[in-house]
Protein backbone atom coordinates (compact mmCIF):
# COMPACT_ATOMS: atom_id res chain seq x y z
CA MET A 1 50.21 -14.23 -39.32
CA ASN A 2 50.93 -14.38 -35.52
CA LYS A 3 47.70 -12.60 -35.37
CA LEU A 4 45.29 -14.96 -37.17
CA PHE A 5 46.62 -18.13 -35.01
CA ALA A 6 46.57 -16.54 -32.04
CA THR A 7 43.00 -15.69 -33.08
CA ALA A 8 42.17 -19.39 -33.97
CA VAL A 9 43.47 -20.72 -31.07
CA ALA A 10 41.22 -17.69 -29.01
CA ALA A 11 37.98 -19.68 -30.72
CA PHE A 12 39.00 -22.68 -30.91
CA ILE A 13 39.59 -22.37 -27.20
CA SER A 14 36.26 -21.05 -26.86
CA VAL A 15 34.60 -23.92 -28.76
CA SER A 16 36.98 -26.80 -26.63
CA GLY A 17 34.65 -24.92 -24.26
CA PHE A 18 31.86 -25.97 -24.35
CA ALA A 19 32.91 -29.86 -25.93
CA GLN A 20 31.47 -31.81 -22.82
CA THR A 21 29.08 -34.69 -22.77
CA VAL A 22 25.71 -35.08 -20.80
CA ASP A 23 27.61 -36.86 -18.70
CA GLU A 24 29.86 -33.97 -18.36
CA ILE A 25 27.68 -31.51 -18.08
CA VAL A 26 25.32 -33.46 -15.62
CA ASP A 27 27.83 -34.49 -13.23
CA LYS A 28 29.21 -30.35 -13.03
CA HIS A 29 25.26 -29.55 -12.16
CA ILE A 30 25.42 -32.40 -8.91
CA ALA A 31 28.35 -31.09 -8.01
CA ALA A 32 27.27 -27.59 -8.33
CA LEU A 33 23.89 -28.74 -6.60
CA GLY A 34 25.78 -30.02 -3.42
CA GLY A 35 27.21 -33.56 -4.75
CA ALA A 36 25.66 -36.38 -4.42
CA ASP A 37 26.09 -38.39 -1.39
CA LYS A 38 24.85 -35.19 -0.11
CA LEU A 39 21.38 -34.82 -2.48
CA LYS A 40 21.41 -38.30 -1.38
CA SER A 41 21.20 -38.32 2.45
CA VAL A 42 18.48 -35.29 1.88
CA ASN A 43 15.26 -37.84 2.83
CA THR A 44 12.36 -35.08 4.18
CA MET A 45 12.13 -31.70 3.20
CA VAL A 46 9.87 -28.79 4.55
CA ALA A 47 9.92 -25.97 2.34
CA GLU A 48 7.62 -22.74 3.21
CA ARG A 49 7.31 -20.12 1.00
CA SER A 50 5.19 -17.14 -0.11
CA LEU A 51 3.32 -17.09 -4.00
CA SER A 52 2.95 -14.08 -5.45
CA VAL A 53 -0.21 -13.72 -7.69
CA GLN A 54 -1.84 -11.09 -9.11
CA GLY A 55 -1.20 -8.99 -6.22
CA MET A 56 -1.58 -11.25 -3.04
CA ASP A 57 0.60 -12.96 -1.74
CA ILE A 58 -0.29 -16.88 -0.71
CA PRO A 59 1.29 -18.31 1.66
CA ASN A 60 2.53 -21.83 1.03
CA VAL A 61 4.07 -24.92 3.78
CA SER A 62 5.36 -28.07 1.39
CA THR A 63 6.68 -31.29 3.54
CA LEU A 64 8.07 -33.79 1.77
CA ILE A 65 9.70 -37.83 1.94
CA VAL A 66 12.10 -37.72 -0.45
CA ASN A 67 10.38 -40.49 -3.72
CA LYS A 68 7.35 -41.28 -1.09
CA ALA A 69 4.69 -38.61 0.27
CA VAL A 70 4.43 -35.06 -0.59
CA ARG A 71 2.28 -32.82 0.78
CA SER A 72 1.36 -28.96 0.11
CA GLU A 73 -0.56 -26.22 2.25
CA SER A 74 -1.28 -23.05 1.04
CA THR A 75 -3.67 -20.09 3.31
CA VAL A 76 -5.94 -18.24 0.13
CA MET A 77 -7.96 -15.39 2.01
CA GLY A 78 -7.77 -17.28 5.03
CA ASN A 79 -9.36 -20.48 3.47
CA SER A 80 -6.45 -23.27 3.13
CA MET A 81 -5.64 -25.45 0.22
CA VAL A 82 -4.23 -28.60 0.27
CA GLN A 83 -2.91 -31.47 -2.48
CA ALA A 84 -1.42 -34.37 -0.68
CA PHE A 85 0.55 -38.15 -1.64
CA ASP A 86 0.84 -40.89 1.09
CA GLY A 87 2.25 -42.46 -1.46
CA THR A 88 -0.61 -44.91 -2.73
CA SER A 89 -3.18 -42.38 -2.15
CA ALA A 90 -4.13 -38.59 -3.13
CA TRP A 91 -6.59 -36.41 -1.42
CA MET A 92 -7.31 -32.19 -1.88
CA ILE A 93 -9.30 -29.67 0.09
CA ARG A 94 -10.49 -26.93 -1.98
CA PRO A 95 -12.11 -24.11 -0.52
CA THR A 96 -15.74 -23.19 -2.37
CA MET A 97 -14.68 -19.82 -3.11
CA MET A 98 -12.37 -21.89 -5.58
CA GLY A 99 -15.51 -24.05 -6.40
CA GLY A 100 -14.60 -26.66 -3.91
CA THR A 101 -16.34 -28.17 -0.45
CA GLY A 102 -14.21 -27.18 1.59
CA GLU A 103 -13.27 -31.41 2.88
CA PRO A 104 -11.11 -33.63 1.48
CA GLU A 105 -12.18 -35.36 -2.22
CA ASP A 106 -10.12 -38.42 -3.99
CA MET A 107 -7.61 -36.15 -6.92
CA PRO A 108 -8.09 -36.29 -10.08
CA ALA A 109 -4.96 -37.65 -12.24
CA ASP A 110 -4.02 -34.94 -14.21
CA GLN A 111 -3.17 -32.77 -11.10
CA LEU A 112 -2.13 -35.88 -9.00
CA LYS A 113 1.09 -36.53 -11.86
CA GLN A 114 1.98 -32.53 -11.13
CA LEU A 115 2.00 -33.59 -7.13
CA LYS A 116 3.75 -36.99 -7.76
CA GLY A 117 6.97 -34.80 -9.35
CA GLN A 118 7.15 -32.29 -6.43
CA LEU A 119 8.63 -36.22 -5.11
CA ASP A 120 11.42 -35.73 -6.04
CA PRO A 121 13.19 -32.34 -5.05
CA PHE A 122 16.43 -32.24 -6.70
CA GLY A 123 15.26 -32.70 -10.57
CA PRO A 124 15.33 -34.94 -13.20
CA LEU A 125 19.00 -34.80 -14.36
CA PHE A 126 20.13 -35.77 -10.37
CA ASN A 127 20.92 -40.24 -11.25
CA TYR A 128 19.28 -40.00 -14.28
CA LYS A 129 20.12 -43.37 -15.70
CA GLU A 130 19.31 -44.36 -12.56
CA LYS A 131 15.40 -43.27 -13.13
CA GLY A 132 15.00 -44.06 -16.30
CA ASN A 133 15.24 -40.70 -18.19
CA LYS A 134 17.25 -39.87 -21.60
CA VAL A 135 19.14 -36.79 -21.73
CA GLU A 136 20.84 -34.99 -24.98
CA LEU A 137 22.76 -31.95 -25.36
CA VAL A 138 20.97 -29.43 -27.68
CA GLY A 139 23.22 -27.51 -27.97
CA THR A 140 24.43 -23.72 -25.90
CA GLU A 141 22.20 -20.40 -25.80
CA LYS A 142 22.43 -17.45 -24.29
CA VAL A 143 19.94 -17.55 -20.90
CA ASP A 144 20.02 -13.59 -19.68
CA LYS A 145 23.14 -12.80 -22.01
CA LYS A 146 25.14 -16.07 -20.79
CA ASP A 147 25.59 -19.43 -21.47
CA ASN A 148 23.88 -21.64 -21.23
CA TYR A 149 23.62 -25.65 -22.15
CA HIS A 150 20.62 -26.17 -23.59
CA LEU A 151 19.09 -29.84 -22.22
CA LYS A 152 16.42 -31.75 -23.57
CA VAL A 153 15.58 -33.63 -20.87
CA THR A 154 12.77 -37.30 -21.89
CA THR A 155 11.25 -38.77 -18.26
CA ALA A 156 10.92 -42.52 -18.00
CA GLY A 157 7.00 -41.14 -18.17
CA GLY A 158 7.45 -39.77 -21.61
CA ASP A 159 7.42 -35.87 -20.06
CA VAL A 160 9.27 -33.49 -21.99
CA LEU A 161 11.23 -30.54 -20.58
CA ASP A 162 13.95 -28.25 -21.67
CA GLN A 163 17.03 -27.43 -18.95
CA TYR A 164 19.16 -24.20 -19.13
CA ILE A 165 21.64 -24.72 -17.04
CA ASP A 166 24.38 -22.56 -16.57
CA ALA A 167 27.69 -22.28 -18.29
CA ALA A 168 30.18 -21.07 -15.44
CA THR A 169 27.62 -22.14 -12.36
CA TYR A 170 26.22 -25.65 -13.60
CA LEU A 171 23.35 -24.13 -12.23
CA ILE A 172 19.58 -24.35 -13.55
CA THR A 173 18.19 -20.88 -14.85
CA LYS A 174 14.91 -22.24 -17.05
CA THR A 175 13.49 -25.35 -17.43
CA LYS A 176 10.47 -25.26 -19.86
CA THR A 177 7.91 -28.12 -19.64
CA SER A 178 4.10 -28.51 -20.54
CA ALA A 179 1.40 -28.89 -18.45
CA ASN A 180 -1.72 -30.18 -18.80
CA GLY A 181 -1.74 -28.72 -22.48
CA GLN A 182 0.03 -25.58 -21.67
CA ASP A 183 3.67 -23.92 -21.81
CA VAL A 184 5.00 -23.30 -18.92
CA GLU A 185 9.15 -21.29 -18.66
CA ILE A 186 9.79 -21.28 -15.12
CA SER A 187 13.13 -19.53 -14.46
CA PHE A 188 15.47 -20.51 -10.98
CA SER A 189 17.54 -17.69 -9.29
CA ASP A 190 18.48 -16.91 -6.16
CA TYR A 191 20.83 -19.27 -4.93
CA LYS A 192 21.51 -19.79 -1.39
CA ASP A 193 23.26 -22.67 0.67
CA VAL A 194 21.24 -24.80 2.44
CA ASP A 195 22.94 -27.53 4.92
CA GLY A 196 25.64 -27.90 1.89
CA ILE A 197 22.68 -28.19 -1.03
CA LYS A 198 21.86 -25.00 -3.24
CA ILE A 199 18.67 -23.82 -3.51
CA ALA A 200 16.89 -21.56 -5.74
CA TYR A 201 15.16 -19.03 -3.05
CA THR A 202 13.52 -17.71 -6.11
CA MET A 203 11.03 -19.08 -8.58
CA ASP A 204 9.05 -17.53 -11.24
CA ILE A 205 6.79 -18.46 -13.69
CA ALA A 206 5.11 -18.11 -17.04
CA ASN A 207 2.41 -19.78 -18.87
CA GLN A 208 -0.48 -18.71 -21.08
CA MET A 209 -2.35 -17.16 -17.80
CA GLY A 210 0.13 -15.24 -16.73
CA ASN A 211 3.13 -14.83 -14.49
CA LEU A 212 3.06 -16.48 -10.66
CA ALA A 213 6.13 -15.92 -8.38
CA PHE A 214 7.63 -18.50 -5.87
CA ILE A 215 9.76 -16.94 -3.23
CA THR A 216 11.45 -19.43 -0.60
CA ASN A 217 11.79 -17.99 3.61
CA LYS A 218 12.82 -21.19 4.98
CA ILE A 219 13.98 -24.76 4.20
CA LYS A 220 14.71 -27.96 6.51
CA PHE A 221 16.06 -30.66 5.36
CA ASN A 222 15.77 -34.01 7.66
CA SER A 223 13.53 -33.11 10.45
CA SER A 224 10.98 -35.39 12.12
CA VAL A 225 7.36 -35.26 9.94
CA ASP A 226 4.56 -37.43 11.51
CA GLU A 227 3.56 -39.35 8.12
CA LYS A 228 0.01 -38.99 8.96
CA VAL A 229 0.05 -35.22 7.49
CA PHE A 230 -0.28 -37.15 4.70
CA LYS A 231 -2.97 -39.17 5.40
CA LYS A 232 -6.36 -38.49 4.05
CA PRO A 233 -9.18 -37.56 7.18
């Protein structure tokens, strides 16, 4: 009888460990990132990364004024590739080897939508109610043999993302979404502390076209940013 009772208690504790509300999970996720006040204090972010694709390492620098403007510049075989949004309009530079002219041109609407997604560096769960996003708890699942909370996020714009949060660390391990009609899965790992904020230094991206890896080399928060870099030349 005692053994049965102990087993039942253990099972109850196990189940209760996952009996959390969406807000409890989100609050613990934000706390794990560094806390709401810390995240709100970030006005600018400059990230130096390397994109690994088909045996090539492509350096990338992303410059961001949170929720306002963004510029992403990569160097491909000596050619500069730029995507930028100044808060009003978006433009890009595509090398001739990639079908472009090498000169600034207006950005198509579908690419602009993806670029605007970078304006919010801490994701759709941060201040999700204020943003008009809806979050549902789908359940718990294993990701790399670890328990994860599976959250379904519907943004104010109607986009749907599945986000998986480690039940122990409360950091995001994986995101699934759709972009330009393609399913995209992004895995996050190698979290490091930058000025009190946890950042995933490795992002592995998988879609129908293959696999990519973004490796972060350096992150700077709240450094001075010249807003001219976002304007179309």
